[in-house]
């Protein structure tokens, strides 16, 4: 992967016009991501690019900086199958009480009117809150579960997204 993504940085006294350049590199089964800003470079290597971006964001937080992109937005988080098929470059936007749809898939480096930039820990709290907000009665598997409801929900979401993603990321040689 030789693409580069330019992302605005907010906070840290930037005045809103400072930018960082994120460069993803496939490192075999690992995903290496570098972030260049203020004549500095931060690098992280993880199982997927979203996790690598979170590691970089943790380091940017020390300077009070947050990337203005979907990967750093409170209302997005990776979903198992989405993460696997895109190596963490695609995440799903979520809304309290609603399950994500195909139109809710976004690239972690893109931005939009609905980006709500937050620190990594706040993003995790929003995700936990979103999971708790989902009505259990919408899915019989979840409604009948008294133990492991989150695990069942995760499986249900994974199956739904797997069908959706086949059209977005067709497997090579499979058709």
N, C-alpha and C. Protein backbone atom coordinates (compact mmCIF):
# COMPACT_ATOMS: atom_id res chain seq x y z
N UNK A 1 0.84 -1.18 0.00
CA UNK A 1 0.00 0.00 0.00
C UNK A 1 0.89 1.24 0.00
N UNK A 2 0.76 2.07 -0.99
CA UNK A 2 1.58 3.27 -1.08
C UNK A 2 0.77 4.54 -0.93
N UNK A 3 -0.48 4.41 -0.51
CA UNK A 3 -1.33 5.59 -0.36
C UNK A 3 -0.93 6.39 0.86
N UNK A 4 -1.20 7.69 0.79
CA UNK A 4 -1.02 8.57 1.93
C UNK A 4 -2.32 9.31 2.14
N UNK A 5 -2.63 9.57 3.40
CA UNK A 5 -3.86 10.27 3.75
C UNK A 5 -3.50 11.49 4.58
N UNK A 6 -3.92 12.66 4.13
CA UNK A 6 -3.69 13.89 4.87
C UNK A 6 -4.92 14.16 5.72
N UNK A 7 -4.69 14.35 7.03
CA UNK A 7 -5.77 14.51 7.99
C UNK A 7 -5.49 15.76 8.83
N UNK A 8 -6.50 16.58 9.05
CA UNK A 8 -6.34 17.73 9.93
C UNK A 8 -6.21 17.26 11.37
N UNK A 9 -5.42 17.99 12.15
CA UNK A 9 -5.29 17.74 13.59
C UNK A 9 -5.99 18.87 14.32
N UNK A 10 -6.71 18.52 15.37
CA UNK A 10 -7.35 19.55 16.19
C UNK A 10 -6.77 19.47 17.60
N UNK A 11 -6.89 20.57 18.34
CA UNK A 11 -6.35 20.62 19.70
C UNK A 11 -4.88 20.99 19.69
N UNK A 12 -4.29 20.98 20.84
CA UNK A 12 -2.86 21.23 20.96
C UNK A 12 -2.42 22.59 20.45
N UNK A 13 -3.33 23.55 20.44
CA UNK A 13 -2.98 24.90 19.99
C UNK A 13 -2.73 24.99 18.49
N UNK A 14 -3.34 24.11 17.71
CA UNK A 14 -3.08 24.08 16.27
C UNK A 14 -3.83 25.16 15.51
N UNK A 15 -4.88 25.69 16.08
CA UNK A 15 -5.68 26.66 15.35
C UNK A 15 -6.51 26.02 14.26
N UNK A 16 -6.53 24.70 14.19
CA UNK A 16 -7.37 23.98 13.24
C UNK A 16 -6.79 23.80 11.86
N UNK A 17 -5.58 24.30 11.60
CA UNK A 17 -5.06 24.16 10.24
C UNK A 17 -3.81 23.28 10.16
N UNK A 18 -3.49 22.61 11.24
CA UNK A 18 -2.33 21.70 11.22
C UNK A 18 -2.77 20.36 10.64
N UNK A 19 -1.85 19.73 9.92
CA UNK A 19 -2.18 18.46 9.28
C UNK A 19 -1.15 17.39 9.62
N UNK A 20 -1.60 16.14 9.52
CA UNK A 20 -0.71 14.99 9.67
C UNK A 20 -0.88 14.14 8.42
N UNK A 21 0.16 13.43 8.05
CA UNK A 21 0.08 12.51 6.91
C UNK A 21 0.22 11.09 7.46
N UNK A 22 -0.81 10.28 7.21
CA UNK A 22 -0.83 8.88 7.61
C UNK A 22 -0.48 8.03 6.40
N UNK A 23 0.45 7.10 6.59
CA UNK A 23 0.87 6.22 5.51
C UNK A 23 0.78 4.77 5.97
N UNK A 24 -0.18 4.02 5.41
CA UNK A 24 -0.28 2.59 5.76
C UNK A 24 0.69 1.75 4.92
N UNK A 25 1.25 0.74 5.54
CA UNK A 25 2.16 -0.19 4.87
C UNK A 25 1.76 -1.62 5.28
N UNK A 26 1.52 -2.47 4.32
CA UNK A 26 1.30 -3.87 4.65
C UNK A 26 2.63 -4.49 5.03
N UNK A 27 2.69 -5.10 6.19
CA UNK A 27 3.91 -5.75 6.67
C UNK A 27 3.59 -7.23 6.89
N UNK A 28 3.36 -7.93 5.79
CA UNK A 28 2.95 -9.33 5.88
C UNK A 28 1.55 -9.41 6.46
N UNK A 29 1.41 -10.11 7.57
CA UNK A 29 0.11 -10.22 8.21
C UNK A 29 -0.18 -9.05 9.13
N UNK A 30 0.80 -8.20 9.34
CA UNK A 30 0.66 -7.04 10.23
C UNK A 30 0.39 -5.78 9.41
N UNK A 31 -0.15 -4.79 10.07
CA UNK A 31 -0.44 -3.50 9.44
C UNK A 31 0.40 -2.43 10.11
N UNK A 32 1.28 -1.83 9.34
CA UNK A 32 2.16 -0.77 9.86
C UNK A 32 1.62 0.57 9.38
N UNK A 33 1.53 1.51 10.31
CA UNK A 33 1.01 2.83 10.01
C UNK A 33 1.98 3.86 10.56
N UNK A 34 2.32 4.85 9.72
CA UNK A 34 3.15 5.95 10.19
C UNK A 34 2.34 7.24 10.11
N UNK A 35 2.65 8.14 11.02
CA UNK A 35 2.00 9.45 11.07
C UNK A 35 3.10 10.50 11.15
N UNK A 36 3.12 11.37 10.15
CA UNK A 36 4.11 12.45 10.12
C UNK A 36 3.40 13.77 10.42
N UNK A 37 3.96 14.50 11.39
CA UNK A 37 3.39 15.80 11.77
C UNK A 37 4.47 16.57 12.53
N UNK A 38 4.46 17.89 12.45
CA UNK A 38 5.38 18.75 13.20
C UNK A 38 6.83 18.27 13.13
N UNK A 39 7.25 17.81 11.97
CA UNK A 39 8.61 17.29 11.78
C UNK A 39 8.91 16.09 12.68
N UNK A 40 7.85 15.36 13.05
CA UNK A 40 7.97 14.14 13.87
C UNK A 40 7.32 12.99 13.11
N UNK A 41 7.69 11.78 13.48
CA UNK A 41 7.05 10.59 12.90
C UNK A 41 6.73 9.62 14.04
N UNK A 42 5.50 9.17 14.05
CA UNK A 42 5.06 8.13 14.99
C UNK A 42 4.70 6.91 14.14
N UNK A 43 5.12 5.75 14.58
CA UNK A 43 4.79 4.52 13.85
C UNK A 43 4.16 3.51 14.81
N UNK A 44 3.27 2.70 14.26
CA UNK A 44 2.65 1.63 15.04
C UNK A 44 2.42 0.45 14.12
N UNK A 45 2.51 -0.74 14.68
CA UNK A 45 2.25 -1.96 13.92
C UNK A 45 1.30 -2.82 14.73
N UNK A 46 0.17 -3.14 14.13
CA UNK A 46 -0.88 -3.91 14.80
C UNK A 46 -1.48 -4.92 13.82
N UNK A 47 -2.49 -5.63 14.30
CA UNK A 47 -3.18 -6.60 13.44
C UNK A 47 -4.03 -5.93 12.37
N UNK A 48 -4.47 -4.69 12.64
CA UNK A 48 -5.26 -3.94 11.65
C UNK A 48 -4.93 -2.45 11.77
N UNK A 49 -5.32 -1.69 10.73
CA UNK A 49 -4.99 -0.27 10.68
C UNK A 49 -5.74 0.56 11.71
N UNK A 50 -6.96 0.16 12.05
CA UNK A 50 -7.69 0.91 13.07
C UNK A 50 -6.94 0.84 14.40
N UNK A 51 -6.48 -0.34 14.78
CA UNK A 51 -5.73 -0.49 16.03
C UNK A 51 -4.41 0.27 15.97
N UNK A 52 -3.75 0.24 14.81
CA UNK A 52 -2.51 1.00 14.65
C UNK A 52 -2.79 2.50 14.81
N UNK A 53 -3.90 2.94 14.23
CA UNK A 53 -4.27 4.35 14.35
C UNK A 53 -4.55 4.70 15.82
N UNK A 54 -5.19 3.79 16.55
CA UNK A 54 -5.44 4.03 17.97
C UNK A 54 -4.14 4.17 18.75
N UNK A 55 -3.14 3.35 18.43
CA UNK A 55 -1.84 3.46 19.09
C UNK A 55 -1.20 4.82 18.81
N UNK A 56 -1.30 5.26 17.58
CA UNK A 56 -0.76 6.58 17.22
C UNK A 56 -1.55 7.69 17.91
N UNK A 57 -2.86 7.54 17.93
CA UNK A 57 -3.70 8.54 18.60
C UNK A 57 -3.35 8.67 20.07
N UNK A 58 -3.06 7.54 20.73
CA UNK A 58 -2.65 7.60 22.14
C UNK A 58 -1.41 8.46 22.32
N UNK A 59 -0.49 8.39 21.37
CA UNK A 59 0.73 9.21 21.46
C UNK A 59 0.43 10.67 21.12
N UNK A 60 -0.47 10.91 20.16
CA UNK A 60 -0.86 12.28 19.83
C UNK A 60 -1.58 12.96 21.00
N UNK A 61 -2.34 12.16 21.76
CA UNK A 61 -3.09 12.69 22.89
C UNK A 61 -2.19 13.37 23.92
N UNK A 62 -0.97 12.90 24.04
CA UNK A 62 -0.02 13.49 24.98
C UNK A 62 0.19 14.98 24.66
N UNK A 63 0.11 15.32 23.37
CA UNK A 63 0.26 16.71 22.93
C UNK A 63 -1.10 17.40 22.79
N UNK A 64 -2.17 16.71 23.21
CA UNK A 64 -3.51 17.28 23.12
C UNK A 64 -4.07 17.28 21.72
N UNK A 65 -3.53 16.46 20.82
CA UNK A 65 -3.94 16.42 19.41
C UNK A 65 -4.88 15.25 19.12
N UNK A 66 -5.86 15.52 18.27
CA UNK A 66 -6.79 14.49 17.81
C UNK A 66 -6.93 14.63 16.30
N UNK A 67 -6.77 13.55 15.55
CA UNK A 67 -7.01 13.62 14.10
C UNK A 67 -8.50 13.85 13.82
N UNK A 68 -8.80 14.72 12.86
CA UNK A 68 -10.19 14.97 12.48
C UNK A 68 -10.54 14.01 11.34
N UNK A 69 -10.93 12.79 11.73
CA UNK A 69 -11.27 11.77 10.75
C UNK A 69 -12.18 10.74 11.43
N UNK A 70 -12.80 9.89 10.61
CA UNK A 70 -13.72 8.90 11.16
C UNK A 70 -13.04 7.94 12.12
N UNK A 71 -11.79 7.60 11.89
CA UNK A 71 -11.09 6.68 12.78
C UNK A 71 -10.98 7.20 14.20
N UNK A 72 -11.08 8.52 14.39
CA UNK A 72 -10.99 9.13 15.71
C UNK A 72 -12.32 9.69 16.17
N UNK A 73 -13.40 9.31 15.51
CA UNK A 73 -14.72 9.83 15.82
C UNK A 73 -15.41 8.96 16.87
N UNK A 74 -16.12 9.60 17.78
CA UNK A 74 -16.82 8.88 18.85
C UNK A 74 -17.81 7.87 18.29
N UNK A 75 -18.44 8.21 17.18
CA UNK A 75 -19.54 7.40 16.68
C UNK A 75 -19.13 6.31 15.69
N UNK A 76 -17.87 5.90 15.70
CA UNK A 76 -17.45 4.80 14.82
C UNK A 76 -16.63 3.79 15.61
N UNK A 77 -16.62 2.57 15.11
CA UNK A 77 -15.82 1.52 15.72
C UNK A 77 -15.73 0.38 14.72
N UNK A 78 -14.66 -0.40 14.78
CA UNK A 78 -14.56 -1.52 13.85
C UNK A 78 -15.49 -2.65 14.26
N UNK A 79 -15.93 -3.36 13.28
CA UNK A 79 -16.76 -4.54 13.49
C UNK A 79 -15.97 -5.71 12.96
N UNK A 80 -16.05 -6.86 13.57
CA UNK A 80 -15.22 -8.02 13.25
C UNK A 80 -14.99 -8.29 11.78
N UNK A 81 -16.04 -8.54 11.02
CA UNK A 81 -15.89 -8.88 9.61
C UNK A 81 -15.41 -7.69 8.80
N UNK A 82 -15.93 -6.50 9.10
CA UNK A 82 -15.49 -5.28 8.40
C UNK A 82 -13.99 -5.12 8.58
N UNK A 83 -13.54 -5.28 9.81
CA UNK A 83 -12.12 -5.11 10.12
C UNK A 83 -11.28 -6.14 9.38
N UNK A 84 -11.73 -7.39 9.39
CA UNK A 84 -10.98 -8.45 8.70
C UNK A 84 -10.85 -8.18 7.22
N UNK A 85 -11.95 -7.86 6.58
CA UNK A 85 -11.95 -7.72 5.12
C UNK A 85 -11.24 -6.46 4.64
N UNK A 86 -11.22 -5.42 5.46
CA UNK A 86 -10.59 -4.17 5.05
C UNK A 86 -9.27 -3.93 5.77
N UNK A 87 -8.88 -4.86 6.61
CA UNK A 87 -7.68 -4.74 7.45
C UNK A 87 -7.77 -3.51 8.35
N UNK A 88 -8.99 -3.15 8.74
CA UNK A 88 -9.20 -2.03 9.66
C UNK A 88 -9.26 -0.67 9.01
N UNK A 89 -9.27 -0.61 7.68
CA UNK A 89 -9.39 0.68 6.99
C UNK A 89 -10.84 1.14 6.92
N UNK A 90 -11.79 0.23 7.09
CA UNK A 90 -13.20 0.57 7.04
C UNK A 90 -13.81 0.27 8.41
N UNK A 91 -14.56 1.24 8.92
CA UNK A 91 -15.25 1.11 10.19
C UNK A 91 -16.72 1.44 9.97
N UNK A 92 -17.54 1.19 10.98
CA UNK A 92 -18.96 1.51 10.82
C UNK A 92 -19.36 2.62 11.78
N UNK A 93 -20.15 3.56 11.24
CA UNK A 93 -20.73 4.62 12.06
C UNK A 93 -21.92 4.00 12.79
N UNK A 94 -22.12 4.38 14.02
CA UNK A 94 -23.25 3.86 14.79
C UNK A 94 -24.06 5.00 15.38
N UNK A 95 -25.36 4.72 15.56
CA UNK A 95 -26.28 5.69 16.17
C UNK A 95 -26.95 4.98 17.34
N UNK A 96 -27.09 5.69 18.43
CA UNK A 96 -27.69 5.13 19.63
C UNK A 96 -29.02 4.46 19.30
N UNK A 97 -29.15 3.22 19.73
CA UNK A 97 -30.39 2.47 19.55
C UNK A 97 -30.61 1.87 18.18
N UNK A 98 -29.66 2.08 17.24
CA UNK A 98 -29.83 1.58 15.87
C UNK A 98 -28.67 0.68 15.47
N UNK A 99 -28.98 -0.31 14.65
CA UNK A 99 -27.94 -1.16 14.10
C UNK A 99 -27.37 -0.49 12.85
N UNK A 100 -26.07 -0.66 12.59
CA UNK A 100 -25.48 -0.02 11.40
C UNK A 100 -25.99 -0.64 10.10
N UNK A 101 -25.95 0.17 9.06
CA UNK A 101 -26.36 -0.26 7.72
C UNK A 101 -25.15 -0.15 6.78
N UNK A 102 -25.31 -0.65 5.57
CA UNK A 102 -24.24 -0.58 4.58
C UNK A 102 -23.77 0.85 4.37
N UNK A 103 -24.70 1.79 4.39
CA UNK A 103 -24.36 3.21 4.17
C UNK A 103 -23.57 3.80 5.34
N UNK A 104 -23.42 3.06 6.43
CA UNK A 104 -22.68 3.54 7.60
C UNK A 104 -21.20 3.17 7.57
N UNK A 105 -20.73 2.52 6.51
CA UNK A 105 -19.33 2.14 6.40
C UNK A 105 -18.51 3.32 5.88
N UNK A 106 -17.38 3.62 6.56
CA UNK A 106 -16.52 4.74 6.18
C UNK A 106 -15.05 4.36 6.33
N UNK A 107 -14.19 5.05 5.59
CA UNK A 107 -12.75 4.87 5.69
C UNK A 107 -12.25 5.62 6.93
N UNK A 108 -11.31 5.04 7.66
CA UNK A 108 -10.84 5.66 8.90
C UNK A 108 -10.13 6.99 8.69
N UNK A 109 -9.64 7.25 7.49
CA UNK A 109 -8.92 8.50 7.23
C UNK A 109 -9.80 9.59 6.63
N UNK A 110 -11.02 9.25 6.24
CA UNK A 110 -11.94 10.23 5.67
C UNK A 110 -12.53 11.10 6.78
N UNK A 111 -13.09 12.24 6.37
CA UNK A 111 -13.79 13.09 7.33
C UNK A 111 -15.16 13.42 6.77
N UNK A 112 -15.99 13.99 7.59
CA UNK A 112 -17.34 14.35 7.18
C UNK A 112 -17.98 15.23 8.23
N UNK A 113 -19.16 15.71 7.91
CA UNK A 113 -19.87 16.62 8.82
C UNK A 113 -20.19 15.97 10.16
N UNK A 114 -20.25 14.64 10.19
CA UNK A 114 -20.65 13.93 11.40
C UNK A 114 -19.47 13.37 12.21
N UNK A 115 -18.24 13.78 11.89
CA UNK A 115 -17.09 13.36 12.68
C UNK A 115 -17.15 14.06 14.04
N UNK A 116 -17.01 13.27 15.10
CA UNK A 116 -16.99 13.79 16.46
C UNK A 116 -15.67 13.35 17.09
N UNK A 117 -14.58 14.11 16.86
CA UNK A 117 -13.25 13.67 17.31
C UNK A 117 -13.15 13.58 18.83
N UNK A 118 -12.64 12.44 19.29
CA UNK A 118 -12.47 12.19 20.72
C UNK A 118 -11.18 11.41 20.96
N UNK A 119 -10.78 11.36 22.22
CA UNK A 119 -9.64 10.53 22.60
C UNK A 119 -10.06 9.06 22.54
N UNK A 120 -9.09 8.17 22.48
CA UNK A 120 -9.33 6.73 22.31
C UNK A 120 -10.25 6.17 23.40
N UNK A 121 -10.00 6.51 24.65
CA UNK A 121 -10.82 5.97 25.74
C UNK A 121 -12.27 6.42 25.64
N UNK A 122 -12.50 7.63 25.15
CA UNK A 122 -13.87 8.13 24.99
C UNK A 122 -14.58 7.38 23.86
N UNK A 123 -13.84 7.04 22.82
CA UNK A 123 -14.42 6.29 21.71
C UNK A 123 -14.88 4.91 22.20
N UNK A 124 -14.08 4.26 23.02
CA UNK A 124 -14.45 2.96 23.57
C UNK A 124 -15.70 3.07 24.44
N UNK A 125 -15.79 4.13 25.24
CA UNK A 125 -16.97 4.33 26.09
C UNK A 125 -18.22 4.53 25.25
N UNK A 126 -18.10 5.29 24.15
CA UNK A 126 -19.25 5.50 23.27
C UNK A 126 -19.70 4.16 22.69
N UNK A 127 -18.74 3.33 22.25
CA UNK A 127 -19.07 2.02 21.68
C UNK A 127 -19.80 1.16 22.71
N UNK A 128 -19.30 1.12 23.93
CA UNK A 128 -19.95 0.34 24.99
C UNK A 128 -21.37 0.84 25.23
N UNK A 129 -21.53 2.17 25.23
CA UNK A 129 -22.85 2.77 25.41
C UNK A 129 -23.77 2.41 24.25
N UNK A 130 -23.23 2.42 23.03
CA UNK A 130 -24.04 2.05 21.87
C UNK A 130 -24.49 0.60 21.97
N UNK A 131 -23.60 -0.31 22.33
CA UNK A 131 -23.99 -1.71 22.47
C UNK A 131 -25.12 -1.87 23.47
N UNK A 132 -25.02 -1.16 24.58
CA UNK A 132 -26.05 -1.23 25.62
C UNK A 132 -27.37 -0.61 25.16
N UNK A 133 -27.32 0.30 24.19
CA UNK A 133 -28.53 1.00 23.74
C UNK A 133 -29.39 0.18 22.79
N UNK A 134 -28.84 -0.88 22.25
CA UNK A 134 -29.59 -1.65 21.26
C UNK A 134 -30.70 -2.45 21.92
N UNK A 135 -31.90 -2.35 21.35
CA UNK A 135 -33.01 -3.13 21.90
C UNK A 135 -32.73 -4.62 21.74
N UNK A 136 -32.86 -5.35 22.80
CA UNK A 136 -32.59 -6.79 22.75
C UNK A 136 -33.68 -7.52 21.99
N UNK A 137 -34.88 -6.98 21.94
CA UNK A 137 -36.00 -7.69 21.32
C UNK A 137 -35.93 -7.71 19.79
N UNK A 138 -35.07 -6.90 19.16
CA UNK A 138 -34.99 -6.87 17.70
C UNK A 138 -34.37 -8.15 17.14
N UNK A 139 -33.60 -8.86 17.91
CA UNK A 139 -32.92 -10.05 17.42
C UNK A 139 -33.26 -11.20 18.37
N UNK A 140 -33.96 -12.23 17.88
CA UNK A 140 -34.36 -13.33 18.76
C UNK A 140 -33.18 -13.97 19.50
N UNK A 141 -32.04 -14.07 18.85
CA UNK A 141 -30.87 -14.67 19.49
C UNK A 141 -30.45 -13.85 20.70
N UNK A 142 -30.54 -12.52 20.57
CA UNK A 142 -30.15 -11.64 21.67
C UNK A 142 -31.25 -11.57 22.71
N UNK A 143 -32.51 -11.51 22.26
CA UNK A 143 -33.64 -11.39 23.18
C UNK A 143 -33.71 -12.58 24.13
N UNK A 144 -33.36 -13.76 23.66
CA UNK A 144 -33.45 -14.97 24.47
C UNK A 144 -32.19 -15.22 25.29
N UNK A 145 -31.19 -14.38 25.14
CA UNK A 145 -29.92 -14.58 25.82
C UNK A 145 -29.91 -13.84 27.15
N UNK A 146 -29.53 -14.54 28.22
CA UNK A 146 -29.37 -13.87 29.50
C UNK A 146 -27.89 -13.74 29.85
N UNK A 147 -27.06 -14.55 29.23
CA UNK A 147 -25.62 -14.49 29.47
C UNK A 147 -24.92 -14.38 28.13
N UNK A 148 -23.98 -13.49 28.01
CA UNK A 148 -23.24 -13.36 26.76
C UNK A 148 -24.01 -12.61 25.68
N UNK A 149 -24.88 -11.68 26.08
CA UNK A 149 -25.65 -10.93 25.08
C UNK A 149 -24.75 -10.14 24.15
N UNK A 150 -23.69 -9.59 24.68
CA UNK A 150 -22.77 -8.83 23.84
C UNK A 150 -22.11 -9.73 22.82
N UNK A 151 -21.72 -10.93 23.24
CA UNK A 151 -21.11 -11.88 22.31
C UNK A 151 -22.11 -12.26 21.21
N UNK A 152 -23.36 -12.51 21.59
CA UNK A 152 -24.38 -12.86 20.61
C UNK A 152 -24.63 -11.70 19.65
N UNK A 153 -24.66 -10.49 20.18
CA UNK A 153 -24.85 -9.32 19.33
C UNK A 153 -23.70 -9.22 18.34
N UNK A 154 -22.50 -9.42 18.82
CA UNK A 154 -21.33 -9.35 17.96
C UNK A 154 -21.45 -10.36 16.83
N UNK A 155 -21.86 -11.58 17.14
CA UNK A 155 -22.03 -12.61 16.11
C UNK A 155 -23.10 -12.19 15.10
N UNK A 156 -24.19 -11.66 15.60
CA UNK A 156 -25.28 -11.22 14.73
C UNK A 156 -24.81 -10.11 13.79
N UNK A 157 -24.11 -9.12 14.33
CA UNK A 157 -23.60 -8.03 13.51
C UNK A 157 -22.59 -8.55 12.49
N UNK A 158 -21.74 -9.47 12.91
CA UNK A 158 -20.73 -10.02 12.02
C UNK A 158 -21.38 -10.72 10.84
N UNK A 159 -22.41 -11.51 11.08
CA UNK A 159 -23.09 -12.21 9.98
C UNK A 159 -23.74 -11.22 9.02
N UNK A 160 -24.38 -10.20 9.55
CA UNK A 160 -25.04 -9.21 8.70
C UNK A 160 -24.03 -8.45 7.85
N UNK A 161 -22.91 -8.06 8.47
CA UNK A 161 -21.90 -7.32 7.73
C UNK A 161 -21.18 -8.19 6.72
N UNK A 162 -21.04 -9.47 7.01
CA UNK A 162 -20.37 -10.37 6.07
C UNK A 162 -21.13 -10.37 4.74
N UNK A 163 -22.43 -10.45 4.79
CA UNK A 163 -23.24 -10.42 3.57
C UNK A 163 -23.07 -9.08 2.84
N UNK A 164 -23.08 -8.00 3.61
CA UNK A 164 -22.97 -6.67 3.06
C UNK A 164 -21.61 -6.46 2.39
N UNK A 165 -20.57 -6.95 3.03
CA UNK A 165 -19.21 -6.70 2.56
C UNK A 165 -18.83 -7.50 1.33
N UNK A 166 -19.49 -8.60 1.09
CA UNK A 166 -19.17 -9.40 -0.10
C UNK A 166 -19.33 -8.56 -1.36
N UNK A 167 -20.29 -7.65 -1.34
CA UNK A 167 -20.49 -6.79 -2.50
C UNK A 167 -19.44 -5.67 -2.56
N UNK A 168 -18.91 -5.26 -1.40
CA UNK A 168 -17.93 -4.17 -1.36
C UNK A 168 -16.51 -4.65 -1.58
N UNK A 169 -16.18 -5.83 -1.07
CA UNK A 169 -14.83 -6.36 -1.15
C UNK A 169 -14.88 -7.79 -1.68
N UNK A 170 -15.16 -7.97 -2.98
CA UNK A 170 -15.24 -9.33 -3.52
C UNK A 170 -13.87 -10.02 -3.40
N UNK A 171 -13.92 -11.30 -3.06
CA UNK A 171 -12.70 -12.08 -2.95
C UNK A 171 -12.14 -12.35 -4.34
N UNK A 172 -10.83 -12.21 -4.48
CA UNK A 172 -10.22 -12.42 -5.80
C UNK A 172 -10.30 -13.88 -6.18
N UNK A 173 -10.62 -14.12 -7.44
CA UNK A 173 -10.69 -15.48 -7.97
C UNK A 173 -11.93 -16.24 -7.57
N UNK A 174 -12.80 -15.63 -6.78
CA UNK A 174 -13.97 -16.34 -6.28
C UNK A 174 -15.18 -16.23 -7.19
N UNK A 175 -15.13 -15.38 -8.24
CA UNK A 175 -16.33 -15.19 -9.07
C UNK A 175 -16.00 -15.43 -10.50
